[in-house]
Amino acid sequence: MEHKFEREKRWGDLAGEYQTMLYRIAFSNLKNRADAEDAVQEAFLRYMKDEKPIQNKEHERAWLIRTTVHICTDILKSGWRRKTVAYEDALTAETRSVYLPYQLKDDKTLEAVLKLPVLYRNPIYLFYYEDYSIQEIAGVLNEKEGTIKTRLRRGREEVKKILTEGRP
C-alpha cells in the first residue's frame, strides 16, 4: 500500500512531467487558456482517481493525451459552450488572432493548423509540433495508422489552401 505522501509526490512528478505538453494539446483544441487549464486539470484528476497501474511511461503518456483530447471534445460539444461567447471574444472576434503561449507572433502555419477541423488538427499538431510518429498518434487517438496518414495528408492540403487562398 502506498502512503499518502508517496502518492502525492508521484502525482506531483507526473504533473511536472506532462503538464506543459498536455496544456499545449488542450489549448490547440480549445483555443482558450482557462478551458485548456481546466481540461488538463481534469485529465490529471481522472488519472488520480483511476488507481490502476499503468504498464510504462509510454502508456501513461498516451493515456493522458487521449484523456485530454476526449475532455476537450466533451467541452467543445457541451451545450453551454455552443450557446455562449466569451466577453473578450465578443469584443475582438474580428481583430484578434489566437496565439499559443509558446508561439511566435508571425507563425502563420500554426494559425492555419488551429483553423482545421479537430479531425485533422490533432494528428497534424501531434505530428509536427509534438514530434509523434504516425504509429504513436494512431495509438493515442485509437485509430488505424492508415487513417492517421490520410488525415495528415488531408490536413496538409487544408493548411496549404488556408495559407495560399486565405480561406478558413
C-alpha atoms as a PDB file:
ATOM      1  CA  MET A   1       0.000   0.000   0.000  1.00  0.00           C
ATOM      2  CA  GLU A   2       1.378   3.357  -0.991  1.00  0.00           C
ATOM      3  CA  HIS A   3       1.468   6.075   1.667  1.00  0.00           C
ATOM      4  CA  LYS A   4      -0.330   9.358   1.093  1.00  0.00           C
ATOM      5  CA  PHE A   5       2.959  11.295   0.928  1.00  0.00           C
ATOM      6  CA  GLU A   6       4.456   8.940  -1.681  1.00  0.00           C
ATOM      7  CA  ARG A   7       1.289   9.114  -3.785  1.00  0.00           C
ATOM      8  CA  GLU A   8       1.220  12.938  -3.674  1.00  0.00           C
ATOM      9  CA  LYS A   9       4.902  13.078  -4.648  1.00  0.00           C
ATOM     10  CA  ARG A  10       4.280  10.704  -7.572  1.00  0.00           C
ATOM     11  CA  TRP A  11       1.346  12.814  -8.765  1.00  0.00           C
ATOM     12  CA  GLY A  12       3.418  15.992  -8.442  1.00  0.00           C
ATOM     13  CA  ASP A  13       6.194  14.424 -10.514  1.00  0.00           C
ATOM     14  CA  LEU A  14       3.634  13.298 -13.094  1.00  0.00           C
ATOM     15  CA  ALA A  15       2.152  16.784 -13.353  1.00  0.00           C
ATOM     16  CA  GLY A  16       5.594  18.334 -13.700  1.00  0.00           C
ATOM     17  CA  GLU A  17       6.498  15.949 -16.490  1.00  0.00           C
ATOM     18  CA  TYR A  18       3.349  16.177 -18.640  1.00  0.00           C
ATOM     19  CA  GLN A  19       1.618  19.428 -17.712  1.00  0.00           C
ATOM     20  CA  THR A  20       3.163  21.631 -20.408  1.00  0.00           C
ATOM     21  CA  MET A  21       2.621  19.141 -23.231  1.00  0.00           C
ATOM     22  CA  LEU A  22      -0.995  18.450 -22.215  1.00  0.00           C
ATOM     23  CA  TYR A  23      -1.668  22.176 -21.907  1.00  0.00           C
ATOM     24  CA  ARG A  24      -0.400  22.803 -25.439  1.00  0.00           C
ATOM     25  CA  ILE A  25      -2.601  20.000 -26.781  1.00  0.00           C
ATOM     26  CA  ALA A  26      -5.647  21.259 -24.885  1.00  0.00           C
ATOM     27  CA  PHE A  27      -5.023  24.861 -25.952  1.00  0.00           C
ATOM     28  CA  SER A  28      -4.665  23.847 -29.595  1.00  0.00           C
ATOM     29  CA  ASN A  29      -8.100  22.223 -29.346  1.00  0.00           C
ATOM     30  CA  LEU A  30      -9.959  24.731 -27.203  1.00  0.00           C
ATOM     31  CA  LYS A  31      -8.180  27.999 -28.123  1.00  0.00           C
ATOM     32  CA  ASN A  32      -8.923  29.294 -24.640  1.00  0.00           C
ATOM     33  CA  ARG A  33      -6.451  29.447 -21.772  1.00  0.00           C
ATOM     34  CA  ALA A  34      -8.960  28.830 -18.971  1.00  0.00           C
ATOM     35  CA  ASP A  35     -10.644  25.895 -20.709  1.00  0.00           C
ATOM     36  CA  ALA A  36      -7.257  24.367 -21.562  1.00  0.00           C
ATOM     37  CA  GLU A  37      -6.175  24.604 -17.928  1.00  0.00           C
ATOM     38  CA  ASP A  38      -9.460  23.006 -16.839  1.00  0.00           C
ATOM     39  CA  ALA A  39      -9.029  20.168 -19.349  1.00  0.00           C
ATOM     40  CA  VAL A  40      -5.501  19.401 -18.148  1.00  0.00           C
ATOM     41  CA  GLN A  41      -6.597  19.517 -14.527  1.00  0.00           C
ATOM     42  CA  GLU A  42      -9.493  17.173 -15.278  1.00  0.00           C
ATOM     43  CA  ALA A  43      -7.144  14.739 -17.060  1.00  0.00           C
ATOM     44  CA  PHE A  44      -4.869  14.593 -14.021  1.00  0.00           C
ATOM     45  CA  LEU A  45      -7.851  14.152 -11.696  1.00  0.00           C
ATOM     46  CA  ARG A  46      -9.117  11.247 -13.776  1.00  0.00           C
ATOM     47  CA  TYR A  47      -5.649   9.691 -13.683  1.00  0.00           C
ATOM     48  CA  MET A  48      -5.501  10.035  -9.905  1.00  0.00           C
ATOM     49  CA  LYS A  49      -8.985   8.566  -9.449  1.00  0.00           C
ATOM     50  CA  ASP A  50      -8.288   5.630 -11.763  1.00  0.00           C
ATOM     51  CA  GLU A  51      -5.739   3.994  -9.423  1.00  0.00           C
ATOM     52  CA  LYS A  52      -4.986   1.281 -11.996  1.00  0.00           C
ATOM     53  CA  PRO A  53      -1.273   0.703 -12.514  1.00  0.00           C
ATOM     54  CA  ILE A  54      -0.159   1.764 -15.972  1.00  0.00           C
ATOM     55  CA  GLN A  55       2.349  -0.523 -17.689  1.00  0.00           C
ATOM     56  CA  ASN A  56       5.061   2.007 -18.577  1.00  0.00           C
ATOM     57  CA  LYS A  57       5.789   5.663 -19.331  1.00  0.00           C
ATOM     58  CA  GLU A  58       4.630   5.398 -22.961  1.00  0.00           C
ATOM     59  CA  HIS A  59       1.236   4.023 -21.933  1.00  0.00           C
ATOM     60  CA  GLU A  60       0.972   6.634 -19.207  1.00  0.00           C
ATOM     61  CA  ARG A  61       1.711   9.462 -21.641  1.00  0.00           C
ATOM     62  CA  ALA A  62      -0.659   8.038 -24.271  1.00  0.00           C
ATOM     63  CA  TRP A  63      -3.412   7.631 -21.656  1.00  0.00           C
ATOM     64  CA  LEU A  64      -3.031  11.233 -20.513  1.00  0.00           C
ATOM     65  CA  ILE A  65      -3.012  12.604 -24.090  1.00  0.00           C
ATOM     66  CA  ARG A  66      -6.016  10.510 -25.116  1.00  0.00           C
ATOM     67  CA  THR A  67      -7.911  11.563 -21.984  1.00  0.00           C
ATOM     68  CA  THR A  68      -7.067  15.238 -22.562  1.00  0.00           C
ATOM     69  CA  VAL A  69      -8.265  15.062 -26.175  1.00  0.00           C
ATOM     70  CA  HIS A  70     -11.514  13.379 -25.064  1.00  0.00           C
ATOM     71  CA  ILE A  71     -12.075  16.034 -22.393  1.00  0.00           C
ATOM     72  CA  CYS A  72     -11.503  18.764 -24.990  1.00  0.00           C
ATOM     73  CA  THR A  73     -14.031  17.102 -27.279  1.00  0.00           C
ATOM     74  CA  ASP A  74     -16.546  16.944 -24.440  1.00  0.00           C
ATOM     75  CA  ILE A  75     -16.017  20.626 -23.651  1.00  0.00           C
ATOM     76  CA  LEU A  76     -16.419  21.583 -27.308  1.00  0.00           C
ATOM     77  CA  LYS A  77     -19.632  19.541 -27.595  1.00  0.00           C
ATOM     78  CA  SER A  78     -21.180  20.901 -24.408  1.00  0.00           C
ATOM     79  CA  GLY A  79     -24.355  22.898 -24.834  1.00  0.00           C
ATOM     80  CA  TRP A  80     -23.056  25.662 -22.615  1.00  0.00           C
ATOM     81  CA  ARG A  81     -20.023  26.214 -24.826  1.00  0.00           C
ATOM     82  CA  ARG A  82     -22.061  26.249 -28.036  1.00  0.00           C
ATOM     83  CA  LYS A  83     -24.510  28.828 -26.690  1.00  0.00           C
ATOM     84  CA  THR A  84     -22.084  31.269 -25.083  1.00  0.00           C
ATOM     85  CA  VAL A  85     -19.398  33.628 -26.291  1.00  0.00           C
ATOM     86  CA  ALA A  86     -16.635  34.871 -24.017  1.00  0.00           C
ATOM     87  CA  TYR A  87     -16.775  38.611 -23.348  1.00  0.00           C
ATOM     88  CA  GLU A  88     -13.259  39.158 -24.725  1.00  0.00           C
ATOM     89  CA  ASP A  89     -14.106  37.176 -27.850  1.00  0.00           C
ATOM     90  CA  ALA A  90     -17.250  39.198 -28.450  1.00  0.00           C
ATOM     91  CA  LEU A  91     -15.279  42.449 -28.322  1.00  0.00           C
ATOM     92  CA  THR A  92     -12.390  41.430 -30.519  1.00  0.00           C
ATOM     93  CA  ALA A  93     -13.609  38.480 -32.581  1.00  0.00           C
ATOM     94  CA  GLU A  94     -12.732  40.046 -35.918  1.00  0.00           C
ATOM     95  CA  THR A  95      -9.422  41.660 -34.982  1.00  0.00           C
ATOM     96  CA  ARG A  96      -7.657  39.120 -32.793  1.00  0.00           C
ATOM     97  CA  SER A  97      -5.755  36.018 -33.840  1.00  0.00           C
ATOM     98  CA  VAL A  98      -5.302  33.139 -31.428  1.00  0.00           C
ATOM     99  CA  TYR A  99      -1.711  32.514 -30.378  1.00  0.00           C
ATOM    100  CA  LEU A 100      -0.393  29.686 -28.320  1.00  0.00           C
ATOM    101  CA  PRO A 101       1.692  30.821 -25.348  1.00  0.00           C
ATOM    102  CA  TYR A 102       4.911  29.487 -26.907  1.00  0.00           C
ATOM    103  CA  GLN A 103       4.136  30.614 -30.459  1.00  0.00           C
ATOM    104  CA  LEU A 104       5.926  33.305 -32.394  1.00  0.00           C
ATOM    105  CA  LYS A 105       3.542  36.090 -33.401  1.00  0.00           C
ATOM    106  CA  ASP A 106       4.212  35.595 -37.126  1.00  0.00           C
ATOM    107  CA  ASP A 107       3.656  31.829 -37.233  1.00  0.00           C
ATOM    108  CA  LYS A 108       1.001  31.702 -39.961  1.00  0.00           C
ATOM    109  CA  THR A 109       1.301  27.942 -40.325  1.00  0.00           C
ATOM    110  CA  LEU A 110       0.237  27.288 -36.743  1.00  0.00           C
ATOM    111  CA  GLU A 111      -2.650  29.710 -37.173  1.00  0.00           C
ATOM    112  CA  ALA A 112      -3.719  27.690 -40.209  1.00  0.00           C
ATOM    113  CA  VAL A 113      -3.419  24.430 -38.251  1.00  0.00           C
ATOM    114  CA  LEU A 114      -5.616  25.864 -35.494  1.00  0.00           C
ATOM    115  CA  LYS A 115      -8.310  26.632 -38.091  1.00  0.00           C
ATOM    116  CA  LEU A 116      -8.511  22.971 -39.160  1.00  0.00           C
ATOM    117  CA  PRO A 117     -11.371  20.736 -38.030  1.00  0.00           C
ATOM    118  CA  VAL A 118     -10.387  18.714 -34.963  1.00  0.00           C
ATOM    119  CA  LEU A 119     -10.309  15.566 -37.113  1.00  0.00           C
ATOM    120  CA  TYR A 120      -7.211  16.921 -38.902  1.00  0.00           C
ATOM    121  CA  ARG A 121      -5.921  19.314 -36.242  1.00  0.00           C
ATOM    122  CA  ASN A 122      -4.944  16.712 -33.632  1.00  0.00           C
ATOM    123  CA  PRO A 123      -2.903  14.442 -35.940  1.00  0.00           C
ATOM    124  CA  ILE A 124      -1.192  17.458 -37.589  1.00  0.00           C
ATOM    125  CA  TYR A 125      -0.434  19.054 -34.227  1.00  0.00           C
ATOM    126  CA  LEU A 126       0.881  15.858 -32.648  1.00  0.00           C
ATOM    127  CA  PHE A 127       2.984  15.014 -35.716  1.00  0.00           C
ATOM    128  CA  TYR A 128       4.565  18.402 -36.401  1.00  0.00           C
ATOM    129  CA  TYR A 129       4.529  20.207 -33.054  1.00  0.00           C
ATOM    130  CA  GLU A 130       4.923  17.353 -30.547  1.00  0.00           C
ATOM    131  CA  ASP A 131       7.091  15.119 -32.811  1.00  0.00           C
ATOM    132  CA  TYR A 132       4.970  11.997 -32.511  1.00  0.00           C
ATOM    133  CA  SER A 133       5.286   9.237 -35.079  1.00  0.00           C
ATOM    134  CA  ILE A 134       2.293   8.048 -37.082  1.00  0.00           C
ATOM    135  CA  GLN A 135       2.258   4.837 -35.080  1.00  0.00           C
ATOM    136  CA  GLU A 136       2.250   6.735 -31.772  1.00  0.00           C
ATOM    137  CA  ILE A 137      -0.537   9.055 -32.945  1.00  0.00           C
ATOM    138  CA  ALA A 138      -2.606   6.067 -34.042  1.00  0.00           C
ATOM    139  CA  GLY A 139      -2.178   4.541 -30.586  1.00  0.00           C
ATOM    140  CA  VAL A 140      -3.012   7.752 -28.751  1.00  0.00           C
ATOM    141  CA  LEU A 141      -6.100   8.528 -30.838  1.00  0.00           C
ATOM    142  CA  ASN A 142      -7.239   4.880 -31.096  1.00  0.00           C
ATOM    143  CA  GLU A 143      -7.205   4.947 -34.886  1.00  0.00           C
ATOM    144  CA  LYS A 144      -5.540   2.857 -37.586  1.00  0.00           C
ATOM    145  CA  GLU A 145      -2.217   4.061 -38.992  1.00  0.00           C
ATOM    146  CA  GLY A 146      -3.753   4.376 -42.446  1.00  0.00           C
ATOM    147  CA  THR A 147      -6.442   6.655 -41.051  1.00  0.00           C
ATOM    148  CA  ILE A 148      -3.804   8.877 -39.435  1.00  0.00           C
ATOM    149  CA  LYS A 149      -1.809   9.012 -42.690  1.00  0.00           C
ATOM    150  CA  THR A 150      -4.947  10.046 -44.578  1.00  0.00           C
ATOM    151  CA  ARG A 151      -5.808  12.710 -42.015  1.00  0.00           C
ATOM    152  CA  LEU A 152      -2.255  14.053 -42.135  1.00  0.00           C
ATOM    153  CA  ARG A 153      -2.376  14.264 -45.936  1.00  0.00           C
ATOM    154  CA  ARG A 154      -5.789  15.912 -45.984  1.00  0.00           C
ATOM    155  CA  GLY A 155      -4.802  18.207 -43.126  1.00  0.00           C
ATOM    156  CA  ARG A 156      -1.686  19.327 -45.002  1.00  0.00           C
ATOM    157  CA  GLU A 157      -3.829  20.001 -48.078  1.00  0.00           C
ATOM    158  CA  GLU A 158      -6.213  22.112 -45.987  1.00  0.00           C
ATOM    159  CA  VAL A 159      -3.326  24.039 -44.391  1.00  0.00           C
ATOM    160  CA  LYS A 160      -1.946  24.725 -47.863  1.00  0.00           C
ATOM    161  CA  LYS A 161      -5.349  26.004 -49.017  1.00  0.00           C
ATOM    162  CA  ILE A 162      -5.628  28.257 -45.968  1.00  0.00           C
ATOM    163  CA  LEU A 163      -2.138  29.660 -46.462  1.00  0.00           C
ATOM    164  CA  THR A 164      -2.394  30.184 -50.230  1.00  0.00           C
ATOM    165  CA  GLU A 165      -6.020  31.139 -50.644  1.00  0.00           C
ATOM    166  CA  GLY A 166      -6.548  32.662 -47.225  1.00  0.00           C
ATOM    167  CA  ARG A 167      -9.724  30.695 -46.687  1.00  0.00           C
ATOM    168  CA  PRO A 168     -10.626  29.227 -43.276  1.00  0.00           C
END
